[in-house]
PDB file of N, CA and C in Angstrom:
ATOM      1  N   MET A   1       5.609   6.689  -0.402  1.00  0.00           N
ATOM      2  CA  MET A   1       5.450   8.152  -0.808  1.00  0.00           C
ATOM      3  C   MET A   1       6.076   8.715   0.491  1.00  0.00           C
ATOM      4  N   ARG A   2       7.048   9.650  -0.077  1.00  0.00           N
ATOM      5  CA  ARG A   2       8.124  10.244   0.703  1.00  0.00           C
ATOM      6  C   ARG A   2       7.225  11.686   1.127  1.00  0.00           C
ATOM      7  N   ALA A   3       7.593  11.951   2.366  1.00  0.00           N
ATOM      8  CA  ALA A   3       6.822  13.638   2.831  1.00  0.00           C
ATOM      9  C   ALA A   3       7.530  14.634   1.651  1.00  0.00           C
ATOM     10  N   ARG A   4       7.266  15.844   1.631  1.00  0.00           N
ATOM     11  CA  ARG A   4       7.909  16.931   0.789  1.00  0.00           C
ATOM     12  C   ARG A   4       8.913  17.230   1.483  1.00  0.00           C
ATOM     13  N   ARG A   5       9.561  18.020   0.213  1.00  0.00           N
ATOM     14  CA  ARG A   5      10.914  18.208   0.333  1.00  0.00           C
ATOM     15  C   ARG A   5      11.383  19.030   1.938  1.00  0.00           C
ATOM     16  N   GLU A   6      10.641  19.932   2.078  1.00  0.00           N
ATOM     17  CA  GLU A   6      10.713  21.532   2.637  1.00  0.00           C
ATOM     18  C   GLU A   6      10.684  20.582   4.432  1.00  0.00           C
ATOM     19  N   PHE A   7       9.741  19.256   4.441  1.00  0.00           N
ATOM     20  CA  PHE A   7       9.813  18.520   5.754  1.00  0.00           C
ATOM     21  C   PHE A   7      10.901  17.682   5.683  1.00  0.00           C
ATOM     22  N   ARG A   8      11.832  17.659   5.124  1.00  0.00           N
ATOM     23  CA  ARG A   8      12.914  16.518   5.641  1.00  0.00           C
ATOM     24  C   ARG A   8      14.394  17.074   6.182  1.00  0.00           C
ATOM     25  N   ASP A   9      14.269  18.210   6.524  1.00  0.00           N
ATOM     26  CA  ASP A   9      15.367  18.667   7.301  1.00  0.00           C
ATOM     27  C   ASP A   9      15.003  18.573   8.531  1.00  0.00           C
ATOM     28  N   ARG A  10      14.215  17.489   9.097  1.00  0.00           N
ATOM     29  CA  ARG A  10      14.404  17.196  10.531  1.00  0.00           C
ATOM     30  C   ARG A  10      15.082  15.918  10.821  1.00  0.00           C
ATOM     31  N   PRO A  11      15.243  15.733  12.344  1.00  0.00           N
ATOM     32  CA  PRO A  11      15.813  14.367  12.535  1.00  0.00           C
ATOM     33  C   PRO A  11      15.513  13.100  11.874  1.00  0.00           C
ATOM     34  N   ASP A  12      16.252  12.169  11.526  1.00  0.00           N
ATOM     35  CA  ASP A  12      15.897  10.963  10.927  1.00  0.00           C
ATOM     36  C   ASP A  12      14.612  10.361  10.935  1.00  0.00           C
ATOM     37  N   VAL A  13      14.375  10.081  12.542  1.00  0.00           N
ATOM     38  CA  VAL A  13      13.164   9.433  13.330  1.00  0.00           C
ATOM     39  C   VAL A  13      11.898   9.923  12.744  1.00  0.00           C
ATOM     40  N   GLU A  14      11.794  11.387  12.667  1.00  0.00           N
ATOM     41  CA  GLU A  14      10.526  12.518  12.367  1.00  0.00           C
ATOM     42  C   GLU A  14      10.569  12.082  11.154  1.00  0.00           C
ATOM     43  N   VAL A  15      11.441  11.899  10.222  1.00  0.00           N
ATOM     44  CA  VAL A  15      11.674  12.094   8.453  1.00  0.00           C
ATOM     45  C   VAL A  15      10.655  10.657   8.292  1.00  0.00           C
ATOM     46  N   ALA A  16      11.407   9.613   9.056  1.00  0.00           N
ATOM     47  CA  ALA A  16      10.598   8.268   8.682  1.00  0.00           C
ATOM     48  C   ALA A  16       9.364   7.962   9.185  1.00  0.00           C
ATOM     49  N   VAL A  17       9.062   8.773  10.230  1.00  0.00           N
ATOM     50  CA  VAL A  17       7.860   8.605  10.771  1.00  0.00           C
ATOM     51  C   VAL A  17       6.793   9.796   9.645  1.00  0.00           C
ATOM     52  N   LEU A  18       7.273  10.546   9.104  1.00  0.00           N
ATOM     53  CA  LEU A  18       6.077  11.165   8.144  1.00  0.00           C
ATOM     54  C   LEU A  18       6.233  10.837   6.866  1.00  0.00           C
ATOM     55  N   ASP A  19       7.235   9.759   6.540  1.00  0.00           N
ATOM     56  CA  ASP A  19       7.041   9.439   5.442  1.00  0.00           C
ATOM     57  C   ASP A  19       6.006   7.776   5.372  1.00  0.00           C
ATOM     58  N   ALA A  20       6.380   7.295   6.470  1.00  0.00           N
ATOM     59  CA  ALA A  20       5.390   6.273   6.774  1.00  0.00           C
ATOM     60  C   ALA A  20       3.921   6.401   6.593  1.00  0.00           C
ATOM     61  N   LEU A  21       3.803   7.829   7.195  1.00  0.00           N
ATOM     62  CA  LEU A  21       2.351   8.459   7.429  1.00  0.00           C
ATOM     63  C   LEU A  21       2.132   8.901   5.848  1.00  0.00           C
ATOM     64  N   ALA A  22       3.030   9.255   5.308  1.00  0.00           N
ATOM     65  CA  ALA A  22       2.784  10.001   3.743  1.00  0.00           C
ATOM     66  C   ALA A  22       2.223   8.660   3.208  1.00  0.00           C
ATOM     67  N   ASP A  23       2.857   7.661   3.360  1.00  0.00           N
ATOM     68  CA  ASP A  23       2.590   6.291   2.430  1.00  0.00           C
ATOM     69  C   ASP A  23       0.899   5.616   3.086  1.00  0.00           C
ATOM     70  N   ARG A  24       0.706   6.007   3.843  1.00  0.00           N
ATOM     71  CA  ARG A  24      -0.979   5.893   4.461  1.00  0.00           C
ATOM     72  C   ARG A  24      -1.528   6.624   4.467  1.00  0.00           C
ATOM     73  N   ALA A  25      -1.663   7.756   3.926  1.00  0.00           N
ATOM     74  CA  ALA A  25      -2.312   9.154   4.425  1.00  0.00           C
ATOM     75  C   ALA A  25      -3.783   9.152   4.489  1.00  0.00           C
ATOM     76  N   ASP A  26      -4.334   8.061   3.793  1.00  0.00           N
ATOM     77  CA  ASP A  26      -5.848   8.144   3.682  1.00  0.00           C
ATOM     78  C   ASP A  26      -6.423   7.313   4.772  1.00  0.00           C
ATOM     79  N   GLU A  27      -5.657   6.551   5.403  1.00  0.00           N
ATOM     80  CA  GLU A  27      -6.590   5.836   6.811  1.00  0.00           C
ATOM     81  C   GLU A  27      -5.909   5.906   7.855  1.00  0.00           C
ATOM     82  N   GLY A  28      -4.392   6.575   7.706  1.00  0.00           N
ATOM     83  CA  GLY A  28      -3.647   6.878   8.822  1.00  0.00           C
ATOM     84  C   GLY A  28      -3.038   5.507   9.715  1.00  0.00           C
ATOM     85  N   MET A  29      -2.295   5.920  10.632  1.00  0.00           N
ATOM     86  CA  MET A  29      -1.587   4.484  11.329  1.00  0.00           C
ATOM     87  C   MET A  29      -1.727   4.647  12.757  1.00  0.00           C
ATOM     88  N   THR A  30      -1.570   3.633  13.864  1.00  0.00           N
ATOM     89  CA  THR A  30      -1.523   3.815  15.140  1.00  0.00           C
ATOM     90  C   THR A  30       0.038   3.632  15.411  1.00  0.00           C
ATOM     91  N   VAL A  31       0.039   3.773  16.584  1.00  0.00           N
ATOM     92  CA  VAL A  31       1.508   4.104  17.258  1.00  0.00           C
ATOM     93  C   VAL A  31       1.957   2.470  17.110  1.00  0.00           C
ATOM     94  N   PHE A  32       1.425   1.476  17.305  1.00  0.00           N
ATOM     95  CA  PHE A  32       2.154  -0.037  16.917  1.00  0.00           C
ATOM     96  C   PHE A  32       2.407  -0.177  15.340  1.00  0.00           C
ATOM     97  N   GLU A  33       1.187   0.347  14.510  1.00  0.00           N
ATOM     98  CA  GLU A  33       1.889   0.525  12.843  1.00  0.00           C
ATOM     99  C   GLU A  33       2.958   1.191  12.827  1.00  0.00           C
ATOM    100  N   ILE A  34       3.184   2.369  13.388  1.00  0.00           N
ATOM    101  CA  ILE A  34       4.315   3.501  12.968  1.00  0.00           C
ATOM    102  C   ILE A  34       5.523   2.683  13.293  1.00  0.00           C
ATOM    103  N   ARG A  35       5.659   1.975  14.928  1.00  0.00           N
ATOM    104  CA  ARG A  35       6.786   1.283  15.228  1.00  0.00           C
ATOM    105  C   ARG A  35       6.964   0.054  14.350  1.00  0.00           C
ATOM    106  N   ALA A  36       6.090  -0.684  13.815  1.00  0.00           N
ATOM    107  CA  ALA A  36       6.591  -1.694  12.965  1.00  0.00           C
ATOM    108  C   ALA A  36       7.473  -1.035  11.738  1.00  0.00           C
ATOM    109  N   ALA A  37       7.021   0.120  11.243  1.00  0.00           N
ATOM    110  CA  ALA A  37       7.371   0.853  10.006  1.00  0.00           C
ATOM    111  C   ALA A  37       8.654   1.722  10.347  1.00  0.00           C
ATOM    112  N   VAL A  38       9.054   1.917  11.343  1.00  0.00           N
ATOM    113  CA  VAL A  38      10.173   3.097  11.515  1.00  0.00           C
ATOM    114  C   VAL A  38      11.332   2.334  12.424  1.00  0.00           C
ATOM    115  N   GLU A  39      12.007   2.136  11.927  1.00  0.00           N
ATOM    116  CA  GLU A  39      13.204   1.333  12.899  1.00  0.00           C
ATOM    117  C   GLU A  39      13.992   2.294  13.813  1.00  0.00           C
ATOM    118  N   ALA A  40      13.157   1.985  15.137  1.00  0.00           N
ATOM    119  CA  ALA A  40      13.485   3.211  16.113  1.00  0.00           C
ATOM    120  C   ALA A  40      12.647   2.468  17.262  1.00  0.00           C
ATOM    121  N   ASP A  41      13.707   2.800  18.562  1.00  0.00           N
ATOM    122  CA  ASP A  41      12.712   2.488  19.691  1.00  0.00           C
ATOM    123  C   ASP A  41      11.457   3.313  19.865  1.00  0.00           C
ATOM    124  N   ILE A  42      10.694   2.551  20.426  1.00  0.00           N
ATOM    125  CA  ILE A  42       9.438   3.255  20.980  1.00  0.00           C
ATOM    126  C   ILE A  42       9.397   4.393  21.726  1.00  0.00           C
ATOM    127  N   ASP A  43      10.768   5.053  22.501  1.00  0.00           N
ATOM    128  CA  ASP A  43      10.588   6.087  23.230  1.00  0.00           C
ATOM    129  C   ASP A  43      10.890   7.194  22.407  1.00  0.00           C
ATOM    130  N   THR A  44      11.914   6.692  21.339  1.00  0.00           N
ATOM    131  CA  THR A  44      12.248   7.465  20.414  1.00  0.00           C
ATOM    132  C   THR A  44      11.197   8.151  19.309  1.00  0.00           C
ATOM    133  N   ILE A  45      10.335   7.159  19.343  1.00  0.00           N
ATOM    134  CA  ILE A  45       9.117   7.377  18.033  1.00  0.00           C
ATOM    135  C   ILE A  45       7.949   8.413  18.621  1.00  0.00           C
ATOM    136  N   GLU A  46       7.963   8.251  20.063  1.00  0.00           N
ATOM    137  CA  GLU A  46       7.120   8.830  20.907  1.00  0.00           C
ATOM    138  C   GLU A  46       7.611  10.317  21.022  1.00  0.00           C
ATOM    139  N   ASP A  47       8.946  10.351  20.933  1.00  0.00           N
ATOM    140  CA  ASP A  47       9.530  11.833  21.336  1.00  0.00           C
ATOM    141  C   ASP A  47       9.332  12.473  19.797  1.00  0.00           C
ATOM    142  N   ALA A  48       9.612  12.034  18.440  1.00  0.00           N
ATOM    143  CA  ALA A  48       9.169  12.501  17.359  1.00  0.00           C
ATOM    144  C   ALA A  48       7.963  12.766  17.155  1.00  0.00           C
ATOM    145  N   LEU A  49       7.103  11.733  17.759  1.00  0.00           N
ATOM    146  CA  LEU A  49       5.379  12.199  17.254  1.00  0.00           C
ATOM    147  C   LEU A  49       5.013  13.706  18.274  1.00  0.00           C
ATOM    148  N   ALA A  50       6.150  13.495  19.298  1.00  0.00           N
ATOM    149  CA  ALA A  50       5.409  14.653  20.130  1.00  0.00           C
ATOM    150  C   ALA A  50       5.947  16.003  19.428  1.00  0.00           C
ATOM    151  N   ALA A  51       7.377  16.120  18.639  1.00  0.00           N
ATOM    152  CA  ALA A  51       7.712  17.040  17.676  1.00  0.00           C
ATOM    153  C   ALA A  51       6.742  17.420  16.520  1.00  0.00           C
ATOM    154  N   LEU A  52       6.695  16.398  15.968  1.00  0.00           N
ATOM    155  CA  LEU A  52       5.619  16.668  14.714  1.00  0.00           C
ATOM    156  C   LEU A  52       4.284  17.227  15.188  1.00  0.00           C
ATOM    157  N   LYS A  53       3.764  16.444  16.371  1.00  0.00           N
ATOM    158  CA  LYS A  53       2.452  17.384  16.731  1.00  0.00           C
ATOM    159  C   LYS A  53       2.673  18.624  16.860  1.00  0.00           C
ATOM    160  N   SER A  54       3.639  19.010  17.888  1.00  0.00           N
ATOM    161  CA  SER A  54       3.846  20.341  18.182  1.00  0.00           C
ATOM    162  C   SER A  54       4.150  21.499  17.253  1.00  0.00           C
ATOM    163  N   ASP A  55       4.680  20.942  15.914  1.00  0.00           N
ATOM    164  CA  ASP A  55       4.734  21.646  14.603  1.00  0.00           C
ATOM    165  C   ASP A  55       3.558  21.514  13.702  1.00  0.00           C
ATOM    166  N   ASP A  56       2.439  20.828  14.153  1.00  0.00           N
ATOM    167  CA  ASP A  56       1.186  20.731  13.408  1.00  0.00           C
ATOM    168  C   ASP A  56       1.544  20.106  12.176  1.00  0.00           C
ATOM    169  N   LEU A  57       2.254  18.760  12.209  1.00  0.00           N
ATOM    170  CA  LEU A  57       2.485  17.929  10.705  1.00  0.00           C
ATOM    171  C   LEU A  57       1.584  16.688  10.986  1.00  0.00           C
ATOM    172  N   ILE A  58       1.467  16.643  12.244  1.00  0.00           N
ATOM    173  CA  ILE A  58       0.487  15.313  12.440  1.00  0.00           C
ATOM    174  C   ILE A  58      -0.745  15.633  12.784  1.00  0.00           C
ATOM    175  N   ARG A  59      -1.674  14.706  12.953  1.00  0.00           N
ATOM    176  CA  ARG A  59      -2.855  15.306  13.448  1.00  0.00           C
ATOM    177  C   ARG A  59      -3.708  13.899  14.287  1.00  0.00           C
ATOM    178  N   VAL A  60      -4.210  13.774  15.314  1.00  0.00           N
ATOM    179  CA  VAL A  60      -4.389  12.489  16.344  1.00  0.00           C
ATOM    180  C   VAL A  60      -6.058  12.409  16.365  1.00  0.00           C
ATOM    181  N   GLU A  61      -6.544  11.470  15.990  1.00  0.00           N
ATOM    182  CA  GLU A  61      -7.971  11.001  15.886  1.00  0.00           C
ATOM    183  C   GLU A  61      -8.320   9.675  16.686  1.00  0.00           C
ATOM    184  N   ASN A  62      -8.986  10.328  17.429  1.00  0.00           N
ATOM    185  CA  ASN A  62      -9.711   8.952  17.912  1.00  0.00           C
ATOM    186  C   ASN A  62     -10.971   8.113  17.134  1.00  0.00           C
ATOM    187  N   GLY A  63     -10.383   6.749  16.702  1.00  0.00           N
ATOM    188  CA  GLY A  63     -11.492   6.470  15.609  1.00  0.00           C
ATOM    189  C   GLY A  63     -12.139   5.523  16.522  1.00  0.00           C
ATOM    190  N   ASP A  64     -12.947   4.212  16.018  1.00  0.00           N
ATOM    191  CA  ASP A  64     -13.418   3.387  16.488  1.00  0.00           C
ATOM    192  C   ASP A  64     -13.014   2.701  17.792  1.00  0.00           C
ATOM    193  N   ASP A  65     -11.980   1.941  17.706  1.00  0.00           N
ATOM    194  CA  ASP A  65     -11.562   1.439  18.977  1.00  0.00           C
ATOM    195  C   ASP A  65     -10.080   1.817  19.101  1.00  0.00           C
ATOM    196  N   ARG A  66      -9.575   2.367  18.121  1.00  0.00           N
ATOM    197  CA  ARG A  66      -8.104   2.887  18.248  1.00  0.00           C
ATOM    198  C   ARG A  66      -8.096   4.284  18.133  1.00  0.00           C
ATOM    199  N   VAL A  67      -6.716   4.831  18.227  1.00  0.00           N
ATOM    200  CA  VAL A  67      -6.310   6.086  18.212  1.00  0.00           C
ATOM    201  C   VAL A  67      -5.416   5.985  16.672  1.00  0.00           C
ATOM    202  N   VAL A  68      -5.867   7.105  15.728  1.00  0.00           N
ATOM    203  CA  VAL A  68      -5.025   6.805  14.622  1.00  0.00           C
ATOM    204  C   VAL A  68      -4.620   8.252  14.423  1.00  0.00           C
ATOM    205  N   ILE A  69      -3.276   8.078  13.725  1.00  0.00           N
ATOM    206  CA  ILE A  69      -2.244   9.461  13.786  1.00  0.00           C
ATOM    207  C   ILE A  69      -2.251   9.407  11.974  1.00  0.00           C
ATOM    208  N   ARG A  70      -2.431  10.741  11.737  1.00  0.00           N
ATOM    209  CA  ARG A  70      -2.554  10.899  10.112  1.00  0.00           C
ATOM    210  C   ARG A  70      -1.347  12.196  10.045  1.00  0.00           C
ATOM    211  N   VAL A  71      -0.893  12.099   8.574  1.00  0.00           N
ATOM    212  CA  VAL A  71      -0.322  13.418   8.573  1.00  0.00           C
ATOM    213  C   VAL A  71      -0.965  14.704   8.007  1.00  0.00           C
ATOM    214  N   ALA A  72      -0.466  15.571   8.307  1.00  0.00           N
ATOM    215  CA  ALA A  72      -1.090  16.956   7.472  1.00  0.00           C
ATOM    216  C   ALA A  72      -1.177  16.818   6.364  1.00  0.00           C
ATOM    217  N   ASP A  73      -1.984  17.219   5.379  1.00  0.00           N
ATOM    218  CA  ASP A  73      -1.967  17.401   4.044  1.00  0.00           C
ATOM    219  C   ASP A  73      -0.918  18.104   3.526  1.00  0.00           C
ATOM    220  N   ARG A  74      -0.353  18.986   4.325  1.00  0.00           N
ATOM    221  CA  ARG A  74       0.623  20.153   3.237  1.00  0.00           C
ATOM    222  C   ARG A  74       1.997  19.047   3.686  1.00  0.00           C
ATOM    223  N   VAL A  75       1.860  18.179   4.209  1.00  0.00           N
ATOM    224  CA  VAL A  75       3.149  17.232   4.144  1.00  0.00           C
ATOM    225  C   VAL A  75       3.361  16.272   3.526  1.00  0.00           C
ATOM    226  N   ILE A  76       1.925  16.007   2.290  1.00  0.00           N
ATOM    227  CA  ILE A  76       2.150  14.892   1.584  1.00  0.00           C
ATOM    228  C   ILE A  76       2.438  15.948  -0.072  1.00  0.00           C
ATOM    229  N   PRO A  77       3.336  15.132  -0.785  1.00  0.00           N
ATOM    230  CA  PRO A  77       3.811  15.729  -2.234  1.00  0.00           C
ATOM    231  C   PRO A  77       2.681  15.681  -3.047  1.00  0.00           C
ATOM    232  N   ASP A  78       2.569  16.991  -3.741  1.00  0.00           N
ATOM    233  CA  ASP A  78       1.494  16.858  -5.006  1.00  0.00           C
ATOM    234  C   ASP A  78       1.885  16.295  -6.157  1.00  0.00           C
ATOM    235  N   PRO A  79       1.019  14.899  -6.314  1.00  0.00           N
ATOM    236  CA  PRO A  79       1.049  14.174  -7.251  1.00  0.00           C
ATOM    237  C   PRO A  79       1.287  14.565  -8.590  1.00  0.00           C
ATOM    238  N   ASP A  80       0.598  15.955  -8.680  1.00  0.00           N
ATOM    239  CA  ASP A  80       0.184  16.670 -10.163  1.00  0.00           C
ATOM    240  C   ASP A  80       1.635  17.320 -10.441  1.00  0.00           C
ATOM    241  N   ALA A  81       2.434  17.904  -9.515  1.00  0.00           N
ATOM    242  CA  ALA A  81       3.777  18.476  -9.300  1.00  0.00           C
ATOM    243  C   ALA A  81       4.700  17.992 -10.574  1.00  0.00           C
ATOM    244  N   GLU A  82       5.036  18.900 -11.175  1.00  0.00           N
ATOM    245  CA  GLU A  82       6.217  18.405 -12.145  1.00  0.00           C
ATOM    246  C   GLU A  82       7.406  17.785 -11.732  1.00  0.00           C
ATOM    247  N   THR A  83       7.786  16.754 -11.876  1.00  0.00           N
ATOM    248  CA  THR A  83       9.099  16.210 -11.435  1.00  0.00           C
ATOM    249  C   THR A  83      10.216  16.514 -12.471  1.00  0.00           C
ATOM    250  N   ASN A  84      11.587  16.646 -11.584  1.00  0.00           N
ATOM    251  CA  ASN A  84      12.742  17.032 -12.469  1.00  0.00           C
ATOM    252  C   ASN A  84      13.387  15.970 -12.875  1.00  0.00           C
ATOM    253  N   THR A  85      13.242  15.822 -14.260  1.00  0.00           N
ATOM    254  CA  THR A  85      13.521  14.603 -15.134  1.00  0.00           C
ATOM    255  C   THR A  85      15.340  14.856 -15.230  1.00  0.00           C
ATOM    256  N   ASN A  86      15.780  15.884 -15.382  1.00  0.00           N
ATOM    257  CA  ASN A  86      17.071  16.054 -15.656  1.00  0.00           C
ATOM    258  C   ASN A  86      18.019  16.069 -14.157  1.00  0.00           C
ATOM    259  N   ARG A  87      17.584  15.416 -13.348  1.00  0.00           N
ATOM    260  CA  ARG A  87      18.473  15.271 -11.987  1.00  0.00           C
ATOM    261  C   ARG A  87      19.050  14.132 -12.171  1.00  0.00           C
ATOM    262  N   SER A  88      20.413  14.061 -11.779  1.00  0.00           N
ATOM    263  CA  SER A  88      21.276  13.002 -12.210  1.00  0.00           C
ATOM    264  C   SER A  88      21.234  11.781 -11.276  1.00  0.00           C
ATOM    265  N   PHE A  89      21.681  11.033 -11.049  1.00  0.00           N
ATOM    266  CA  PHE A  89      21.752   9.754 -10.508  1.00  0.00           C
ATOM    267  C   PHE A  89      22.299  10.033  -8.891  1.00  0.00           C
ATOM    268  N   VAL A  90      23.224  10.744  -9.008  1.00  0.00           N
ATOM    269  CA  VAL A  90      24.018  11.431  -7.650  1.00  0.00           C
ATOM    270  C   VAL A  90      22.782  12.111  -6.972  1.00  0.00           C
ATOM    271  N   ASP A  91      22.600  13.009  -7.993  1.00  0.00           N
ATOM    272  CA  ASP A  91      21.597  14.116  -7.034  1.00  0.00           C
ATOM    273  C   ASP A  91      20.574  13.176  -6.021  1.00  0.00           C
ATOM    274  N   THR A  92      19.979  12.214  -6.885  1.00  0.00           N
ATOM    275  CA  THR A  92      18.963  11.420  -6.427  1.00  0.00           C
ATOM    276  C   THR A  92      19.513  10.419  -5.166  1.00  0.00           C
ATOM    277  N   LEU A  93      20.534  10.187  -5.204  1.00  0.00           N
ATOM    278  CA  LEU A  93      21.404   9.606  -3.976  1.00  0.00           C
ATOM    279  C   LEU A  93      21.335  10.557  -2.656  1.00  0.00           C
ATOM    280  N   ARG A  94      21.753  11.210  -2.930  1.00  0.00           N
ATOM    281  CA  ARG A  94      22.007  12.603  -2.324  1.00  0.00           C
ATOM    282  C   ARG A  94      20.432  12.858  -1.280  1.00  0.00           C
ATOM    283  N   GLU A  95      19.816  12.900  -2.261  1.00  0.00           N
ATOM    284  CA  GLU A  95      18.058  13.536  -1.925  1.00  0.00           C
ATOM    285  C   GLU A  95      17.847  12.397  -0.943  1.00  0.00           C
ATOM    286  N   ARG A  96      18.180  11.212  -1.306  1.00  0.00           N
ATOM    287  CA  ARG A  96      17.377   9.768  -0.596  1.00  0.00           C
ATOM    288  C   ARG A  96      18.308   9.618   0.390  1.00  0.00           C
ATOM    289  N   PHE A  97      19.379  10.007   0.844  1.00  0.00           N
ATOM    290  CA  PHE A  97      20.117   9.945   2.145  1.00  0.00           C
ATOM    291  C   PHE A  97      20.444  10.934   2.629  1.00  0.00           C
ATOM    292  N   GLY A  98      19.961  11.836   2.276  1.00  0.00           N
ATOM    293  CA  GLY A  98      20.000  12.947   3.088  1.00  0.00           C
ATOM    294  C   GLY A  98      21.377  13.782   3.370  1.00  0.00           C
ATOM    295  N   LEU A  99      22.377  13.529   2.079  1.00  0.00           N
ATOM    296  CA  LEU A  99      23.579  14.094   2.004  1.00  0.00           C
ATOM    297  C   LEU A  99      23.553  15.672   1.357  1.00  0.00           C
TER     298      LEU A  99
END
């Protein structure tokens, strides 16, 4: 699952983190799981997490034995929202690659 369109105008690593967290919105992810899902070094991921937290797009929760990071509900797309079926293949590629 991808983060909502209005949150995709951020740096690539932040968008990748949001997308990874949106995929696992129910259970959340640890920093190590995010590191495995996002192709960036740990320092870049930490900077992205700090920026996302300061913008209230993620929340950090202390679990049983680990710290879990969850995406804010407003970042997750509404599955009931109508998708635009009139978009061309080029429009889809532009959105996917941020062009």
